[in-house]
Amino acid sequence: MEATVAERGQITLPKAVRDALGLTKGTTLHVELDGGRIILRKNVKDAISRVRGRFPMPEGVTTDDIMRELRGRAPGDPVDV
């Protein structure tokens, strides 16, 4: 795949790349230089912050309950009897 640098230094990422990474208008990318390479990284923290607080938990359920359900019992968790 190729992208051409426009007059103002802008490039258009190929649609396949945008679709594969879920890049939409306003997505923030981190730009790094590595020798002669340009590395673009999707800012995952930005994506998480946009959805934070939008999904209410059922009454009586805590974040710890959800994490325990997803990941299993963590060291130091109380043992259910």
N, C-alpha and C. Protein backbone atom coordinates (compact mmCIF):
# COMPACT_ATOMS: atom_id res chain seq x y z
N MET A 1 0.84 -1.18 0.00
CA MET A 1 0.00 0.00 0.00
C MET A 1 0.88 1.24 0.00
N GLU A 2 0.38 2.28 -0.59
CA GLU A 2 1.12 3.53 -0.64
C GLU A 2 0.22 4.70 -0.26
N ALA A 3 0.84 5.76 0.22
CA ALA A 3 0.15 7.01 0.49
C ALA A 3 1.05 8.13 -0.02
N THR A 4 0.46 9.15 -0.61
CA THR A 4 1.22 10.27 -1.16
C THR A 4 1.10 11.48 -0.24
N VAL A 5 2.22 12.16 -0.04
CA VAL A 5 2.22 13.36 0.78
C VAL A 5 1.68 14.52 -0.06
N ALA A 6 0.65 15.19 0.44
CA ALA A 6 0.03 16.31 -0.27
C ALA A 6 0.82 17.59 -0.02
N GLU A 7 0.40 18.66 -0.65
CA GLU A 7 1.09 19.95 -0.60
C GLU A 7 1.32 20.45 0.82
N ARG A 8 0.35 20.26 1.69
CA ARG A 8 0.47 20.76 3.07
C ARG A 8 1.01 19.71 4.03
N GLY A 9 1.60 18.64 3.52
CA GLY A 9 2.21 17.62 4.37
C GLY A 9 1.25 16.56 4.84
N GLN A 10 0.02 16.58 4.34
CA GLN A 10 -0.98 15.61 4.77
C GLN A 10 -0.89 14.34 3.92
N ILE A 11 -1.26 13.22 4.56
CA ILE A 11 -1.38 11.96 3.83
C ILE A 11 -2.76 11.37 4.12
N THR A 12 -3.23 10.55 3.21
CA THR A 12 -4.47 9.82 3.42
C THR A 12 -4.10 8.36 3.61
N LEU A 13 -4.46 7.81 4.76
CA LEU A 13 -4.19 6.40 5.01
C LEU A 13 -5.14 5.55 4.17
N PRO A 14 -4.66 4.47 3.61
CA PRO A 14 -5.54 3.61 2.82
C PRO A 14 -6.74 3.13 3.65
N LYS A 15 -7.89 3.00 3.00
CA LYS A 15 -9.12 2.61 3.68
C LYS A 15 -8.95 1.29 4.41
N ALA A 16 -8.22 0.35 3.85
CA ALA A 16 -8.02 -0.95 4.50
C ALA A 16 -7.33 -0.77 5.86
N VAL A 17 -6.38 0.15 5.93
CA VAL A 17 -5.67 0.42 7.19
C VAL A 17 -6.62 1.08 8.18
N ARG A 18 -7.37 2.08 7.74
CA ARG A 18 -8.32 2.77 8.63
C ARG A 18 -9.35 1.80 9.17
N ASP A 19 -9.88 0.95 8.30
CA ASP A 19 -10.89 -0.02 8.73
C ASP A 19 -10.30 -1.04 9.71
N ALA A 20 -9.11 -1.54 9.43
CA ALA A 20 -8.49 -2.57 10.27
C ALA A 20 -8.22 -2.04 11.68
N LEU A 21 -7.89 -0.75 11.79
CA LEU A 21 -7.57 -0.17 13.10
C LEU A 21 -8.73 0.60 13.71
N GLY A 22 -9.85 0.68 13.01
CA GLY A 22 -10.99 1.41 13.54
C GLY A 22 -10.74 2.90 13.62
N LEU A 23 -9.98 3.44 12.69
CA LEU A 23 -9.67 4.87 12.70
C LEU A 23 -10.83 5.64 12.08
N THR A 24 -11.31 6.63 12.79
CA THR A 24 -12.39 7.49 12.31
C THR A 24 -11.96 8.93 12.43
N LYS A 25 -12.76 9.83 11.89
CA LYS A 25 -12.45 11.26 11.97
C LYS A 25 -12.23 11.65 13.42
N GLY A 26 -11.12 12.32 13.70
CA GLY A 26 -10.82 12.77 15.05
C GLY A 26 -9.97 11.81 15.87
N THR A 27 -9.71 10.60 15.35
CA THR A 27 -8.85 9.66 16.07
C THR A 27 -7.46 10.26 16.20
N THR A 28 -6.89 10.20 17.40
CA THR A 28 -5.54 10.72 17.64
C THR A 28 -4.52 9.62 17.38
N LEU A 29 -3.47 9.95 16.64
CA LEU A 29 -2.38 9.02 16.38
C LEU A 29 -1.10 9.60 16.96
N HIS A 30 -0.30 8.74 17.60
CA HIS A 30 1.03 9.15 18.06
C HIS A 30 2.00 8.93 16.90
N VAL A 31 2.87 9.90 16.66
CA VAL A 31 3.84 9.82 15.57
C VAL A 31 5.23 9.68 16.17
N GLU A 32 5.96 8.65 15.72
CA GLU A 32 7.32 8.42 16.20
C GLU A 32 8.24 8.26 15.00
N LEU A 33 9.48 8.67 15.17
CA LEU A 33 10.51 8.45 14.16
C LEU A 33 11.44 7.36 14.66
N ASP A 34 11.76 6.42 13.79
CA ASP A 34 12.67 5.32 14.11
C ASP A 34 13.64 5.19 12.94
N GLY A 35 14.73 5.94 13.02
CA GLY A 35 15.65 5.96 11.90
C GLY A 35 14.96 6.58 10.69
N GLY A 36 14.84 5.83 9.61
CA GLY A 36 14.18 6.33 8.42
C GLY A 36 12.71 5.93 8.34
N ARG A 37 12.14 5.44 9.45
CA ARG A 37 10.73 5.01 9.44
C ARG A 37 9.86 5.97 10.24
N ILE A 38 8.63 6.09 9.82
CA ILE A 38 7.61 6.82 10.57
C ILE A 38 6.68 5.78 11.16
N ILE A 39 6.46 5.84 12.46
CA ILE A 39 5.57 4.89 13.12
C ILE A 39 4.36 5.65 13.64
N LEU A 40 3.18 5.22 13.23
CA LEU A 40 1.92 5.80 13.71
C LEU A 40 1.29 4.80 14.66
N ARG A 41 0.90 5.26 15.84
CA ARG A 41 0.25 4.39 16.82
C ARG A 41 -1.09 5.01 17.21
N LYS A 42 -2.11 4.17 17.23
CA LYS A 42 -3.43 4.61 17.65
C LYS A 42 -3.38 4.89 19.15
N ASN A 43 -3.96 6.01 19.56
CA ASN A 43 -3.99 6.39 20.97
C ASN A 43 -5.14 5.67 21.65
N VAL A 44 -4.86 4.53 22.27
CA VAL A 44 -5.89 3.72 22.90
C VAL A 44 -6.51 4.44 24.09
N LYS A 45 -5.73 5.20 24.83
CA LYS A 45 -6.26 5.93 25.99
C LYS A 45 -7.33 6.91 25.56
N ASP A 46 -7.15 7.52 24.39
CA ASP A 46 -8.15 8.46 23.88
C ASP A 46 -9.46 7.73 23.60
N ALA A 47 -9.39 6.55 23.01
CA ALA A 47 -10.60 5.78 22.70
C ALA A 47 -11.32 5.36 23.97
N ILE A 48 -10.57 4.95 24.96
CA ILE A 48 -11.17 4.53 26.24
C ILE A 48 -11.83 5.71 26.93
N SER A 49 -11.18 6.86 26.91
CA SER A 49 -11.73 8.03 27.61
C SER A 49 -13.05 8.49 26.98
N ARG A 50 -13.22 8.26 25.67
CA ARG A 50 -14.46 8.68 25.02
C ARG A 50 -15.66 7.85 25.44
N VAL A 51 -15.46 6.62 25.87
CA VAL A 51 -16.59 5.78 26.27
C VAL A 51 -16.73 5.65 27.78
N ARG A 52 -15.78 6.17 28.53
CA ARG A 52 -15.82 6.06 29.98
C ARG A 52 -17.11 6.68 30.54
N GLY A 53 -17.79 5.91 31.36
CA GLY A 53 -18.99 6.40 32.01
C GLY A 53 -20.26 6.27 31.18
N ARG A 54 -20.19 5.72 29.99
CA ARG A 54 -21.37 5.62 29.13
C ARG A 54 -22.16 4.33 29.33
N PHE A 55 -21.59 3.37 30.04
CA PHE A 55 -22.26 2.10 30.23
C PHE A 55 -22.55 1.90 31.71
N PRO A 56 -23.78 2.16 32.13
CA PRO A 56 -24.09 2.02 33.55
C PRO A 56 -24.05 0.55 33.98
N MET A 57 -23.58 0.33 35.20
CA MET A 57 -23.55 -1.03 35.75
C MET A 57 -24.88 -1.31 36.44
N PRO A 58 -25.26 -2.57 36.47
CA PRO A 58 -26.50 -2.92 37.19
C PRO A 58 -26.38 -2.52 38.65
N GLU A 59 -27.50 -2.21 39.26
CA GLU A 59 -27.52 -1.80 40.65
C GLU A 59 -26.93 -2.90 41.54
N GLY A 60 -26.06 -2.51 42.45
CA GLY A 60 -25.45 -3.46 43.38
C GLY A 60 -24.21 -4.15 42.84
N VAL A 61 -23.83 -3.88 41.59
CA VAL A 61 -22.63 -4.49 40.99
C VAL A 61 -21.51 -3.45 41.02
N THR A 62 -20.34 -3.88 41.48
CA THR A 62 -19.20 -2.96 41.55
C THR A 62 -18.24 -3.23 40.40
N THR A 63 -17.33 -2.30 40.20
CA THR A 63 -16.28 -2.49 39.20
C THR A 63 -15.47 -3.73 39.53
N ASP A 64 -15.18 -3.94 40.82
CA ASP A 64 -14.45 -5.15 41.23
C ASP A 64 -15.19 -6.41 40.82
N ASP A 65 -16.52 -6.42 40.95
CA ASP A 65 -17.31 -7.58 40.53
C ASP A 65 -17.14 -7.86 39.04
N ILE A 66 -17.20 -6.80 38.24
CA ILE A 66 -17.05 -6.96 36.78
C ILE A 66 -15.65 -7.48 36.45
N MET A 67 -14.62 -6.90 37.07
CA MET A 67 -13.25 -7.33 36.79
C MET A 67 -13.04 -8.78 37.20
N ARG A 68 -13.60 -9.17 38.34
CA ARG A 68 -13.47 -10.54 38.82
C ARG A 68 -14.15 -11.50 37.84
N GLU A 69 -15.29 -11.10 37.30
CA GLU A 69 -16.00 -11.94 36.34
C GLU A 69 -15.20 -12.10 35.05
N LEU A 70 -14.54 -11.02 34.62
CA LEU A 70 -13.76 -11.06 33.39
C LEU A 70 -12.43 -11.79 33.56
N ARG A 71 -11.76 -11.55 34.68
CA ARG A 71 -10.39 -12.03 34.86
C ARG A 71 -10.24 -13.18 35.84
N GLY A 72 -11.27 -13.45 36.60
CA GLY A 72 -11.14 -14.47 37.64
C GLY A 72 -10.67 -13.84 38.93
N ARG A 73 -10.50 -14.66 39.93
CA ARG A 73 -10.10 -14.19 41.25
C ARG A 73 -8.65 -13.70 41.22
N ALA A 74 -8.42 -12.55 41.80
CA ALA A 74 -7.07 -11.97 41.87
C ALA A 74 -6.44 -12.33 43.20
N PRO A 75 -5.09 -12.35 43.26
CA PRO A 75 -4.43 -12.58 44.54
C PRO A 75 -4.88 -11.54 45.55
N GLY A 76 -5.22 -11.97 46.74
CA GLY A 76 -5.67 -11.05 47.78
C GLY A 76 -7.16 -10.87 47.84
N ASP A 77 -7.89 -11.38 46.83
CA ASP A 77 -9.35 -11.32 46.87
C ASP A 77 -9.86 -12.20 47.98
N PRO A 78 -10.93 -11.77 48.64
CA PRO A 78 -11.51 -12.64 49.68
C PRO A 78 -12.10 -13.89 49.04
N VAL A 79 -11.98 -15.00 49.73
CA VAL A 79 -12.52 -16.26 49.23
C VAL A 79 -13.99 -16.33 49.61
N ASP A 80 -14.84 -16.59 48.61
CA ASP A 80 -16.29 -16.73 48.88
C ASP A 80 -16.54 -18.05 49.60
N VAL A 81 -17.34 -18.00 50.66
CA VAL A 81 -17.70 -19.23 51.39
C VAL A 81 -19.18 -19.44 51.36
